[in-house]
């Protein structure tokens, strides 16, 4: 597992109820993230997390869809999911914060 992804997984698993499920049969970095047994996101590779934040949080956090997305180039603007790339340590703080917001949502 790439260094940043490994660090992110460790930090996400410190959030109560969040677990990571590796897919050992895949070598492309794909794995899933769950909250209380329900998938809330998945890694496409070693530096991109596709997170089910919901439309409200995506708008509230002013997140934008990547126009150069390889995995989801035709994703609708009202999708529940948002791709979040991470390439340096400070990016991890933002992702951990977003996951904390997600799991604290009243509907979760």
Protein backbone atom coordinates (compact mmCIF):
# COMPACT_ATOMS: atom_id res chain seq x y z
CA UNK A 1 0.00 0.00 0.00
CA UNK A 2 1.42 3.39 -0.93
CA UNK A 3 2.68 5.48 1.98
CA UNK A 4 0.03 8.24 1.93
CA UNK A 5 -2.83 5.80 1.48
CA UNK A 6 -1.52 3.69 4.34
CA UNK A 7 -1.34 6.76 6.59
CA UNK A 8 -4.84 7.84 5.57
CA UNK A 9 -6.27 4.39 6.28
CA UNK A 10 -4.69 4.40 9.75
CA UNK A 11 -6.16 7.81 10.49
CA UNK A 12 -9.61 6.90 9.17
CA UNK A 13 -9.69 3.74 11.28
CA UNK A 14 -9.18 5.89 14.37
CA UNK A 15 -12.66 7.33 13.79
CA UNK A 16 -15.11 5.18 15.80
CA UNK A 17 -17.11 2.90 13.51
CA UNK A 18 -14.87 3.35 10.45
CA UNK A 19 -13.15 0.29 8.98
CA UNK A 20 -11.07 -0.39 5.89
CA UNK A 21 -11.46 -3.50 3.74
CA UNK A 22 -8.52 -4.36 1.50
CA UNK A 23 -9.18 -6.33 -1.68
CA UNK A 24 -6.08 -8.57 -1.80
CA UNK A 25 -7.00 -9.97 -5.21
CA UNK A 26 -6.49 -6.48 -6.68
CA UNK A 27 -3.13 -4.79 -7.05
CA UNK A 28 -4.36 -1.41 -8.30
CA UNK A 29 -4.99 0.11 -4.87
CA UNK A 30 -8.75 -0.53 -4.84
CA UNK A 31 -10.20 -1.04 -1.36
CA UNK A 32 -13.29 0.08 0.52
CA UNK A 33 -14.03 2.20 3.57
CA UNK A 34 -17.05 1.42 5.76
CA UNK A 35 -18.91 3.08 8.58
CA UNK A 36 -20.77 0.68 10.83
CA UNK A 37 -20.71 -1.95 8.07
CA UNK A 38 -21.96 0.30 5.26
CA UNK A 39 -19.63 1.37 2.47
CA UNK A 40 -19.00 5.11 2.56
CA UNK A 41 -16.20 5.20 0.04
CA UNK A 42 -13.60 3.36 -1.95
CA UNK A 43 -10.08 3.97 -3.12
CA UNK A 44 -9.71 3.85 -6.89
CA UNK A 45 -5.95 3.65 -6.59
CA UNK A 46 -3.28 4.75 -4.13
CA UNK A 47 -4.09 8.48 -4.16
CA UNK A 48 -7.81 8.90 -4.80
CA UNK A 49 -10.77 8.23 -2.53
CA UNK A 50 -14.30 8.24 -3.93
CA UNK A 51 -16.36 9.28 -0.91
CA UNK A 52 -20.14 9.11 -0.47
CA UNK A 53 -20.53 12.50 1.17
CA UNK A 54 -24.01 13.25 -0.12
CA UNK A 55 -25.11 16.27 -2.11
CA UNK A 56 -25.56 18.51 0.93
CA UNK A 57 -22.05 18.03 2.31
CA UNK A 58 -20.49 18.27 -1.15
CA UNK A 59 -22.17 21.64 -1.65
CA UNK A 60 -21.57 22.80 1.92
CA UNK A 61 -17.84 22.03 1.65
CA UNK A 62 -17.69 23.59 -1.84
CA UNK A 63 -16.15 20.48 -3.37
CA UNK A 64 -15.84 20.19 -7.12
CA UNK A 65 -15.91 17.23 -9.45
CA UNK A 66 -12.69 16.63 -11.38
CA UNK A 67 -13.20 17.37 -15.08
CA UNK A 68 -10.23 15.08 -15.85
CA UNK A 69 -11.58 12.09 -13.90
CA UNK A 70 -10.52 8.83 -15.47
CA UNK A 71 -12.71 6.60 -13.30
CA UNK A 72 -15.94 8.65 -13.42
CA UNK A 73 -15.69 11.06 -16.37
CA UNK A 74 -19.48 11.28 -16.79
CA UNK A 75 -20.47 11.63 -13.16
CA UNK A 76 -23.58 13.77 -12.71
CA UNK A 77 -23.28 17.02 -10.77
CA UNK A 78 -25.87 15.79 -8.27
CA UNK A 79 -24.04 12.55 -7.42
CA UNK A 80 -23.77 11.45 -3.79
CA UNK A 81 -20.09 10.61 -4.41
CA UNK A 82 -17.11 12.90 -4.86
CA UNK A 83 -13.58 11.93 -5.85
CA UNK A 84 -10.93 13.36 -3.57
CA UNK A 85 -7.28 13.16 -4.55
CA UNK A 86 -4.42 13.26 -2.08
CA UNK A 87 -0.79 13.81 -2.96
CA UNK A 88 0.71 15.29 0.22
CA UNK A 89 0.22 14.97 3.97
CA UNK A 90 -1.96 18.09 4.44
CA UNK A 91 -4.50 16.55 2.03
CA UNK A 92 -5.08 13.79 4.58
CA UNK A 93 -6.26 16.26 7.23
CA UNK A 94 -8.99 17.46 4.91
CA UNK A 95 -10.15 13.95 4.06
CA UNK A 96 -10.23 12.88 7.71
CA UNK A 97 -12.27 16.01 8.48
CA UNK A 98 -14.72 15.21 5.68
CA UNK A 99 -15.17 11.63 6.90
CA UNK A 100 -15.79 12.91 10.43
CA UNK A 101 -18.48 15.25 9.07
CA UNK A 102 -19.99 12.37 7.13
CA UNK A 103 -20.24 9.97 10.07
CA UNK A 104 -21.63 12.72 12.31
CA UNK A 105 -24.51 13.38 9.89
CA UNK A 106 -27.87 12.78 11.65
CA UNK A 107 -29.04 10.40 8.88
CA UNK A 108 -26.06 8.10 9.43
